Amino acid sequence: MVAYLIGAPLTEEALDGHFEACAAPDDLGCVVGWNARSSAYIAGDMELPYPPDEHRLCTNPLSWLSDGVYRSAQSNEGAVFLDSDDWHLRPAYADAQCVDGTLRIRAPLEPPRDLMSRILDRVLGAGNWHPVEYQIFFMNLRENAMSRVQAWRTRRPSPQTPLEL
């Protein structure tokens, strides 16, 4: 199916030809990943460095493409912040664009966070959205997973068709 490796410090070179980065919203047998940061984020000591000659994997969860095209918050089906007491759906929560291998996002409000999560935010630095990378795009992830399952069902051989080896 698909590996959603969100938040992992992953480069296309690290895939080493064993896996491909997903190129379309319904690709199968590939990898999706991103590291979300605000445009004002400044890397601190906790930021893992990438080799300068490698290309970071960045899939925009608002389009499921790695094309670097800006996608407005209107493409965001909704955020759900699970580490707070306020779990309601927040449609159009943030926009997104892959810039130099980083998913740059803007959100109108700080996400609701519990105490431990706010402490983690302080350690990682303002604008490091790593703790909520799934949650900001929760509904888009859910919809994409269902779409890829449907693509797999459509493309797999029927039980009556013998497999070719």
N, C-alpha and C. Protein backbone atom coordinates (compact mmCIF):
# COMPACT_ATOMS: atom_id res chain seq x y z
N MET A 1 0.83 -1.18 0.00
CA MET A 1 0.00 0.00 0.00
C MET A 1 0.88 1.25 0.00
N VAL A 2 0.81 2.07 1.05
CA VAL A 2 1.54 3.33 1.14
C VAL A 2 2.09 3.48 2.55
N ALA A 3 3.30 4.00 2.66
CA ALA A 3 3.88 4.32 3.96
C ALA A 3 3.74 5.82 4.18
N TYR A 4 3.01 6.19 5.22
CA TYR A 4 2.88 7.59 5.62
C TYR A 4 3.95 7.84 6.69
N LEU A 5 5.09 8.37 6.29
CA LEU A 5 6.22 8.58 7.21
C LEU A 5 6.33 10.06 7.55
N ILE A 6 5.30 10.57 8.16
CA ILE A 6 5.18 11.99 8.45
C ILE A 6 6.06 12.35 9.65
N GLY A 7 6.85 13.40 9.47
CA GLY A 7 7.73 13.86 10.53
C GLY A 7 9.08 13.18 10.55
N ALA A 8 9.28 12.15 9.75
CA ALA A 8 10.57 11.46 9.71
C ALA A 8 11.56 12.30 8.91
N PRO A 9 12.81 12.37 9.35
CA PRO A 9 13.82 13.09 8.58
C PRO A 9 14.25 12.24 7.39
N LEU A 10 13.47 12.28 6.36
CA LEU A 10 13.63 11.36 5.23
C LEU A 10 14.02 12.10 3.97
N THR A 11 14.99 11.54 3.26
CA THR A 11 15.38 12.10 1.97
C THR A 11 15.03 11.11 0.88
N GLU A 12 14.88 11.61 -0.33
CA GLU A 12 14.60 10.74 -1.47
C GLU A 12 15.75 9.76 -1.67
N GLU A 13 16.98 10.21 -1.41
CA GLU A 13 18.15 9.33 -1.55
C GLU A 13 18.11 8.19 -0.54
N ALA A 14 17.55 8.45 0.65
CA ALA A 14 17.47 7.41 1.69
C ALA A 14 16.54 6.27 1.26
N LEU A 15 15.63 6.55 0.35
CA LEU A 15 14.76 5.49 -0.15
C LEU A 15 15.56 4.48 -0.96
N ASP A 16 16.71 4.93 -1.47
CA ASP A 16 17.73 4.06 -2.08
C ASP A 16 17.19 3.17 -3.19
N GLY A 17 16.18 3.64 -3.91
CA GLY A 17 15.65 2.86 -5.01
C GLY A 17 14.76 1.71 -4.61
N HIS A 18 14.68 1.43 -3.31
CA HIS A 18 13.80 0.35 -2.84
C HIS A 18 12.35 0.80 -2.84
N PHE A 19 12.15 2.07 -2.59
CA PHE A 19 10.81 2.66 -2.59
C PHE A 19 10.87 3.96 -3.37
N GLU A 20 9.73 4.38 -3.85
CA GLU A 20 9.61 5.65 -4.56
C GLU A 20 8.78 6.60 -3.71
N ALA A 21 9.01 7.87 -3.91
CA ALA A 21 8.12 8.87 -3.32
C ALA A 21 6.82 8.85 -4.12
N CYS A 22 5.69 8.93 -3.45
CA CYS A 22 4.40 8.96 -4.15
C CYS A 22 4.35 10.21 -5.04
N ALA A 23 3.86 10.03 -6.25
CA ALA A 23 3.78 11.14 -7.21
C ALA A 23 2.35 11.57 -7.48
N ALA A 24 1.38 10.81 -7.00
CA ALA A 24 -0.03 11.12 -7.25
C ALA A 24 -0.86 10.69 -6.04
N PRO A 25 -2.04 11.28 -5.88
CA PRO A 25 -2.87 10.98 -4.71
C PRO A 25 -3.33 9.53 -4.59
N ASP A 26 -3.27 8.77 -5.69
CA ASP A 26 -3.71 7.38 -5.62
C ASP A 26 -2.58 6.39 -5.93
N ASP A 27 -1.33 6.84 -5.90
CA ASP A 27 -0.20 5.93 -6.09
C ASP A 27 -0.16 4.89 -4.98
N LEU A 28 0.36 3.73 -5.30
CA LEU A 28 0.50 2.65 -4.33
C LEU A 28 1.95 2.17 -4.32
N GLY A 29 2.36 1.53 -3.24
CA GLY A 29 3.71 1.02 -3.13
C GLY A 29 4.75 2.12 -3.05
N CYS A 30 4.40 3.21 -2.41
CA CYS A 30 5.29 4.37 -2.35
C CYS A 30 5.26 4.99 -0.96
N VAL A 31 6.00 6.10 -0.80
CA VAL A 31 6.17 6.75 0.49
C VAL A 31 5.68 8.19 0.42
N VAL A 32 4.97 8.61 1.46
CA VAL A 32 4.52 9.98 1.65
C VAL A 32 5.21 10.50 2.91
N GLY A 33 5.66 11.73 2.89
CA GLY A 33 6.26 12.30 4.08
C GLY A 33 6.39 13.80 4.00
N TRP A 34 6.45 14.43 5.17
CA TRP A 34 6.70 15.86 5.25
C TRP A 34 7.15 16.23 6.65
N ASN A 35 7.78 17.38 6.74
CA ASN A 35 8.15 18.01 8.01
C ASN A 35 7.56 19.40 7.98
N ALA A 36 6.60 19.68 8.86
CA ALA A 36 5.86 20.94 8.84
C ALA A 36 6.51 21.98 9.74
N ARG A 37 6.72 23.17 9.16
CA ARG A 37 7.28 24.30 9.89
C ARG A 37 6.58 25.57 9.42
N SER A 38 6.53 26.57 10.29
CA SER A 38 6.00 27.87 9.86
C SER A 38 7.08 28.58 9.04
N SER A 39 6.68 29.59 8.30
CA SER A 39 7.66 30.32 7.48
C SER A 39 8.62 31.10 8.36
N ALA A 40 8.26 31.35 9.63
CA ALA A 40 9.11 32.10 10.55
C ALA A 40 10.01 31.18 11.38
N TYR A 41 9.92 29.89 11.20
CA TYR A 41 10.68 28.94 12.03
C TYR A 41 12.18 29.10 11.81
N ILE A 42 12.92 29.07 12.91
CA ILE A 42 14.38 29.07 12.86
C ILE A 42 14.84 27.78 13.53
N ALA A 43 15.62 26.99 12.83
CA ALA A 43 16.07 25.70 13.35
C ALA A 43 16.88 25.88 14.62
N GLY A 44 16.62 25.02 15.59
CA GLY A 44 17.34 25.03 16.85
C GLY A 44 18.17 23.76 17.00
N ASP A 45 18.63 23.51 18.22
CA ASP A 45 19.47 22.35 18.49
C ASP A 45 18.75 21.02 18.30
N MET A 46 17.42 21.03 18.43
CA MET A 46 16.66 19.78 18.30
C MET A 46 16.38 19.40 16.85
N GLU A 47 16.66 20.28 15.91
CA GLU A 47 16.39 20.02 14.50
C GLU A 47 17.47 19.10 13.94
N LEU A 48 17.05 17.99 13.37
CA LEU A 48 18.02 17.06 12.79
C LEU A 48 18.49 17.59 11.44
N PRO A 49 19.80 17.65 11.24
CA PRO A 49 20.30 18.18 9.97
C PRO A 49 20.15 17.15 8.85
N TYR A 50 19.99 17.65 7.65
CA TYR A 50 19.95 16.81 6.46
C TYR A 50 21.25 16.99 5.71
N PRO A 51 21.75 15.95 5.06
CA PRO A 51 22.92 16.14 4.22
C PRO A 51 22.62 17.19 3.14
N PRO A 52 23.51 18.14 2.92
CA PRO A 52 23.23 19.25 2.00
C PRO A 52 23.01 18.82 0.55
N ASP A 53 23.53 17.68 0.15
CA ASP A 53 23.40 17.25 -1.23
C ASP A 53 22.22 16.29 -1.45
N GLU A 54 21.37 16.13 -0.44
CA GLU A 54 20.22 15.24 -0.57
C GLU A 54 18.93 16.05 -0.60
N HIS A 55 17.89 15.44 -1.18
CA HIS A 55 16.60 16.10 -1.35
C HIS A 55 15.60 15.55 -0.35
N ARG A 56 15.12 16.42 0.55
CA ARG A 56 14.16 16.00 1.55
C ARG A 56 12.82 15.67 0.90
N LEU A 57 12.21 14.61 1.41
CA LEU A 57 10.90 14.21 0.92
C LEU A 57 9.85 15.16 1.48
N CYS A 58 9.05 15.74 0.61
CA CYS A 58 7.97 16.63 1.04
C CYS A 58 6.76 16.41 0.15
N THR A 59 5.74 15.84 0.73
CA THR A 59 4.46 15.64 0.05
C THR A 59 3.48 16.62 0.67
N ASN A 60 2.80 17.38 -0.16
CA ASN A 60 1.81 18.33 0.36
C ASN A 60 0.51 17.57 0.64
N PRO A 61 0.08 17.50 1.90
CA PRO A 61 -1.13 16.74 2.23
C PRO A 61 -2.43 17.40 1.76
N LEU A 62 -2.33 18.57 1.15
CA LEU A 62 -3.51 19.21 0.60
C LEU A 62 -3.69 18.89 -0.88
N SER A 63 -2.68 18.28 -1.49
CA SER A 63 -2.78 17.86 -2.90
C SER A 63 -2.23 16.46 -3.12
N TRP A 64 -1.41 15.97 -2.21
CA TRP A 64 -0.70 14.70 -2.30
C TRP A 64 0.30 14.70 -3.43
N LEU A 65 0.82 15.89 -3.74
CA LEU A 65 1.86 16.07 -4.75
C LEU A 65 3.09 16.68 -4.10
N SER A 66 4.23 16.54 -4.77
CA SER A 66 5.49 17.13 -4.30
C SER A 66 5.94 18.24 -5.23
N ASP A 67 4.98 18.93 -5.81
CA ASP A 67 5.28 19.88 -6.88
C ASP A 67 5.64 21.28 -6.41
N GLY A 68 5.58 21.57 -5.13
CA GLY A 68 5.93 22.89 -4.62
C GLY A 68 4.87 23.95 -4.84
N VAL A 69 3.70 23.55 -5.31
CA VAL A 69 2.62 24.51 -5.56
C VAL A 69 1.90 24.82 -4.25
N TYR A 70 1.64 26.09 -4.02
CA TYR A 70 0.92 26.53 -2.82
C TYR A 70 -0.52 26.03 -2.88
N ARG A 71 -1.01 25.52 -1.76
CA ARG A 71 -2.40 25.10 -1.62
C ARG A 71 -3.02 25.88 -0.46
N SER A 72 -4.13 26.52 -0.71
CA SER A 72 -4.76 27.35 0.31
C SER A 72 -5.43 26.48 1.37
N ALA A 73 -5.74 27.12 2.48
CA ALA A 73 -6.41 26.43 3.58
C ALA A 73 -7.76 25.87 3.17
N GLN A 74 -8.35 26.40 2.10
CA GLN A 74 -9.64 25.88 1.62
C GLN A 74 -9.54 24.42 1.19
N SER A 75 -8.31 23.96 0.88
CA SER A 75 -8.09 22.56 0.52
C SER A 75 -7.95 21.67 1.74
N ASN A 76 -7.87 22.27 2.92
CA ASN A 76 -7.70 21.51 4.15
C ASN A 76 -9.08 21.09 4.65
N GLU A 77 -9.34 19.78 4.61
CA GLU A 77 -10.64 19.23 5.01
C GLU A 77 -10.89 19.37 6.51
N GLY A 78 -9.83 19.52 7.27
CA GLY A 78 -10.03 19.75 8.69
C GLY A 78 -8.95 19.20 9.58
N ALA A 79 -8.64 19.96 10.61
CA ALA A 79 -7.71 19.56 11.65
C ALA A 79 -8.51 19.03 12.83
N VAL A 80 -7.93 18.06 13.53
CA VAL A 80 -8.50 17.54 14.78
C VAL A 80 -7.34 17.39 15.74
N PHE A 81 -7.36 18.13 16.84
CA PHE A 81 -6.26 18.13 17.80
C PHE A 81 -6.59 17.17 18.94
N LEU A 82 -5.96 15.99 18.88
CA LEU A 82 -6.29 14.90 19.79
C LEU A 82 -5.64 15.04 21.16
N ASP A 83 -4.63 15.88 21.29
CA ASP A 83 -3.96 16.03 22.58
C ASP A 83 -4.45 17.28 23.32
N SER A 84 -5.73 17.55 23.15
CA SER A 84 -6.36 18.65 23.88
C SER A 84 -7.75 18.19 24.31
N ASP A 85 -8.43 19.03 25.06
CA ASP A 85 -9.80 18.71 25.46
C ASP A 85 -10.81 19.21 24.43
N ASP A 86 -10.33 19.85 23.40
CA ASP A 86 -11.18 20.47 22.38
C ASP A 86 -10.99 19.74 21.05
N TRP A 87 -11.69 18.65 20.85
CA TRP A 87 -11.50 17.77 19.71
C TRP A 87 -12.34 18.13 18.49
N HIS A 88 -12.99 19.26 18.46
CA HIS A 88 -13.89 19.52 17.35
C HIS A 88 -13.11 19.72 16.03
N LEU A 89 -13.78 19.42 14.93
CA LEU A 89 -13.20 19.53 13.60
C LEU A 89 -13.02 21.00 13.24
N ARG A 90 -11.84 21.33 12.71
CA ARG A 90 -11.54 22.70 12.29
C ARG A 90 -11.24 22.70 10.80
N PRO A 91 -12.27 22.88 9.95
CA PRO A 91 -12.05 22.92 8.50
C PRO A 91 -11.19 24.12 8.11
N ALA A 92 -10.45 23.97 7.03
CA ALA A 92 -9.62 25.04 6.48
C ALA A 92 -8.67 25.61 7.53
N TYR A 93 -8.07 24.75 8.34
CA TYR A 93 -7.24 25.21 9.44
C TYR A 93 -5.92 25.83 8.98
N ALA A 94 -5.26 25.24 7.99
CA ALA A 94 -3.94 25.73 7.58
C ALA A 94 -3.73 25.50 6.09
N ASP A 95 -2.91 26.36 5.50
CA ASP A 95 -2.49 26.16 4.12
C ASP A 95 -1.19 25.36 4.12
N ALA A 96 -0.62 25.08 2.94
CA ALA A 96 0.62 24.32 2.89
C ALA A 96 1.30 24.48 1.54
N GLN A 97 2.65 24.43 1.59
CA GLN A 97 3.46 24.47 0.38
C GLN A 97 4.81 23.84 0.69
N CYS A 98 5.28 22.96 -0.17
CA CYS A 98 6.62 22.39 -0.02
C CYS A 98 7.63 23.42 -0.55
N VAL A 99 8.56 23.81 0.32
CA VAL A 99 9.61 24.76 -0.04
C VAL A 99 10.94 24.17 0.41
N ASP A 100 11.79 23.87 -0.54
CA ASP A 100 13.11 23.30 -0.24
C ASP A 100 13.01 22.09 0.70
N GLY A 101 12.04 21.22 0.47
CA GLY A 101 11.90 20.00 1.24
C GLY A 101 11.20 20.14 2.58
N THR A 102 10.72 21.33 2.89
CA THR A 102 9.99 21.55 4.14
C THR A 102 8.56 21.95 3.82
N LEU A 103 7.61 21.39 4.53
CA LEU A 103 6.22 21.78 4.35
C LEU A 103 5.98 23.05 5.15
N ARG A 104 5.89 24.17 4.47
CA ARG A 104 5.65 25.46 5.11
C ARG A 104 4.15 25.65 5.24
N ILE A 105 3.71 25.97 6.46
CA ILE A 105 2.28 26.15 6.69
C ILE A 105 2.03 27.44 7.45
N ARG A 106 0.81 27.94 7.27
CA ARG A 106 0.31 29.06 8.06
C ARG A 106 -1.03 28.65 8.61
N ALA A 107 -1.19 28.90 9.89
CA ALA A 107 -2.46 28.60 10.57
C ALA A 107 -2.93 29.87 11.25
N PRO A 108 -4.25 30.09 11.30
CA PRO A 108 -4.76 31.33 11.89
C PRO A 108 -4.59 31.40 13.41
N LEU A 109 -4.54 30.25 14.06
CA LEU A 109 -4.46 30.20 15.52
C LEU A 109 -3.48 29.12 15.94
N GLU A 110 -2.93 29.29 17.12
CA GLU A 110 -2.13 28.22 17.70
C GLU A 110 -3.05 27.03 17.99
N PRO A 111 -2.59 25.83 17.77
CA PRO A 111 -3.45 24.68 18.06
C PRO A 111 -3.68 24.53 19.56
N PRO A 112 -4.85 24.03 19.95
CA PRO A 112 -5.08 23.78 21.37
C PRO A 112 -4.19 22.62 21.81
N ARG A 113 -3.50 22.79 22.93
CA ARG A 113 -2.54 21.77 23.36
C ARG A 113 -2.65 21.55 24.86
N ASP A 114 -2.40 20.33 25.30
CA ASP A 114 -2.34 20.07 26.73
C ASP A 114 -0.97 20.53 27.26
N LEU A 115 -0.77 20.48 28.56
CA LEU A 115 0.44 21.00 29.18
C LEU A 115 1.71 20.34 28.63
N MET A 116 1.73 19.03 28.58
CA MET A 116 2.93 18.32 28.11
C MET A 116 3.24 18.69 26.66
N SER A 117 2.23 18.84 25.85
CA SER A 117 2.44 19.21 24.46
C SER A 117 2.98 20.64 24.34
N ARG A 118 2.51 21.54 25.19
CA ARG A 118 3.02 22.92 25.17
C ARG A 118 4.49 22.95 25.59
N ILE A 119 4.88 22.10 26.53
CA ILE A 119 6.28 22.01 26.92
C ILE A 119 7.12 21.52 25.75
N LEU A 120 6.64 20.50 25.04
CA LEU A 120 7.35 20.01 23.86
C LEU A 120 7.49 21.10 22.81
N ASP A 121 6.44 21.89 22.61
CA ASP A 121 6.50 23.00 21.66
C ASP A 121 7.63 23.96 22.02
N ARG A 122 7.79 24.26 23.30
CA ARG A 122 8.86 25.17 23.76
C ARG A 122 10.24 24.59 23.45
N VAL A 123 10.39 23.29 23.68
CA VAL A 123 11.68 22.64 23.44
C VAL A 123 12.02 22.65 21.95
N LEU A 124 11.05 22.36 21.11
CA LEU A 124 11.30 22.28 19.67
C LEU A 124 11.45 23.65 19.02
N GLY A 125 10.85 24.65 19.59
CA GLY A 125 10.94 26.00 19.04
C GLY A 125 9.64 26.42 18.38
N ALA A 126 9.37 27.72 18.49
CA ALA A 126 8.15 28.26 17.89
C ALA A 126 8.17 28.03 16.39
N GLY A 127 7.06 27.59 15.88
CA GLY A 127 6.93 27.35 14.44
C GLY A 127 7.31 25.96 14.00
N ASN A 128 7.75 25.10 14.92
CA ASN A 128 8.01 23.71 14.59
C ASN A 128 6.71 22.96 14.83
N TRP A 129 6.06 22.56 13.78
CA TRP A 129 4.73 21.94 13.86
C TRP A 129 4.81 20.41 13.97
N HIS A 130 6.01 19.88 14.25
CA HIS A 130 6.18 18.43 14.31
C HIS A 130 5.18 17.73 15.24
N PRO A 131 4.92 18.25 16.44
CA PRO A 131 4.00 17.52 17.33
C PRO A 131 2.58 17.37 16.79
N VAL A 132 2.19 18.20 15.81
CA VAL A 132 0.81 18.14 15.31
C VAL A 132 0.75 17.95 13.79
N GLU A 133 1.81 17.38 13.21
CA GLU A 133 1.85 17.22 11.75
C GLU A 133 0.71 16.35 11.22
N TYR A 134 0.31 15.34 11.95
CA TYR A 134 -0.84 14.53 11.55
C TYR A 134 -2.14 15.28 11.80
N GLN A 135 -2.22 15.90 12.95
CA GLN A 135 -3.47 16.49 13.40
C GLN A 135 -3.93 17.67 12.55
N ILE A 136 -2.99 18.46 12.04
CA ILE A 136 -3.34 19.61 11.21
C ILE A 136 -4.05 19.18 9.93
N PHE A 137 -3.69 18.01 9.42
CA PHE A 137 -4.24 17.52 8.16
C PHE A 137 -5.02 16.22 8.37
N PHE A 138 -5.61 16.08 9.55
CA PHE A 138 -6.28 14.84 9.96
C PHE A 138 -7.28 14.33 8.93
N MET A 139 -8.19 15.18 8.51
CA MET A 139 -9.24 14.72 7.58
C MET A 139 -8.67 14.45 6.18
N ASN A 140 -7.68 15.21 5.74
CA ASN A 140 -7.04 14.94 4.45
C ASN A 140 -6.34 13.58 4.47
N LEU A 141 -5.68 13.27 5.59
CA LEU A 141 -5.03 11.96 5.73
C LEU A 141 -6.07 10.85 5.70
N ARG A 142 -7.14 11.03 6.41
CA ARG A 142 -8.20 10.02 6.45
C ARG A 142 -8.78 9.77 5.06
N GLU A 143 -9.09 10.87 4.36
CA GLU A 143 -9.65 10.74 3.01
C GLU A 143 -8.66 10.10 2.05
N ASN A 144 -7.38 10.48 2.15
CA ASN A 144 -6.38 9.92 1.25
C ASN A 144 -6.18 8.43 1.50
N ALA A 145 -6.15 8.03 2.76
CA ALA A 145 -6.00 6.60 3.07
C ALA A 145 -7.16 5.81 2.47
N MET A 146 -8.37 6.34 2.59
CA MET A 146 -9.53 5.64 2.01
C MET A 146 -9.44 5.61 0.48
N SER A 147 -8.97 6.68 -0.13
CA SER A 147 -8.81 6.71 -1.59
C SER A 147 -7.78 5.69 -2.06
N ARG A 148 -6.69 5.57 -1.32
CA ARG A 148 -5.65 4.61 -1.72
C ARG A 148 -6.11 3.17 -1.52
N VAL A 149 -6.91 2.92 -0.48
CA VAL A 149 -7.48 1.58 -0.31
C VAL A 149 -8.39 1.26 -1.48
N GLN A 150 -9.21 2.22 -1.89
CA GLN A 150 -10.08 2.02 -3.04
C GLN A 150 -9.27 1.79 -4.31
N ALA A 151 -8.18 2.52 -4.49
CA ALA A 151 -7.31 2.31 -5.65
C ALA A 151 -6.72 0.91 -5.63
N TRP A 152 -6.31 0.45 -4.45
CA TRP A 152 -5.77 -0.90 -4.33
C TRP A 152 -6.83 -1.94 -4.69
N ARG A 153 -8.04 -1.76 -4.19
CA ARG A 153 -9.13 -2.71 -4.51
C ARG A 153 -9.42 -2.74 -6.00
N THR A 154 -9.37 -1.58 -6.63
CA THR A 154 -9.65 -1.50 -8.06
C THR A 154 -8.56 -2.16 -8.89
N ARG A 155 -7.32 -2.01 -8.47
CA ARG A 155 -6.17 -2.48 -9.27
C ARG A 155 -5.78 -3.92 -9.01
N ARG A 156 -6.18 -4.48 -7.90
CA ARG A 156 -5.75 -5.85 -7.60
C ARG A 156 -6.46 -6.84 -8.52
N PRO A 157 -5.83 -7.96 -8.77
CA PRO A 157 -6.49 -8.97 -9.59
C PRO A 157 -7.72 -9.53 -8.89
N SER A 158 -8.72 -9.85 -9.66
CA SER A 158 -9.90 -10.46 -9.04
C SER A 158 -9.55 -11.87 -8.58
N PRO A 159 -10.27 -12.40 -7.61
CA PRO A 159 -9.96 -13.75 -7.11
C PRO A 159 -10.06 -14.81 -8.19
N GLN A 160 -10.85 -14.55 -9.23
CA GLN A 160 -11.00 -15.55 -10.29
C GLN A 160 -9.87 -15.49 -11.32
N THR A 161 -9.09 -14.42 -11.29
CA THR A 161 -7.99 -14.27 -12.25
C THR A 161 -6.72 -14.86 -11.67
N PRO A 162 -6.10 -15.82 -12.38
CA PRO A 162 -4.85 -16.39 -11.85
C PRO A 162 -3.74 -15.32 -11.88
N LEU A 163 -2.91 -15.35 -10.87
CA LEU A 163 -1.79 -14.40 -10.80
C LEU A 163 -0.70 -14.84 -11.76
N GLU A 164 -0.10 -13.89 -12.43
CA GLU A 164 1.03 -14.18 -13.31
C GLU A 164 2.31 -13.96 -12.52
N LEU A 165 3.21 -14.90 -12.59
CA LEU A 165 4.49 -14.77 -11.88
C LEU A 165 5.59 -14.41 -12.83
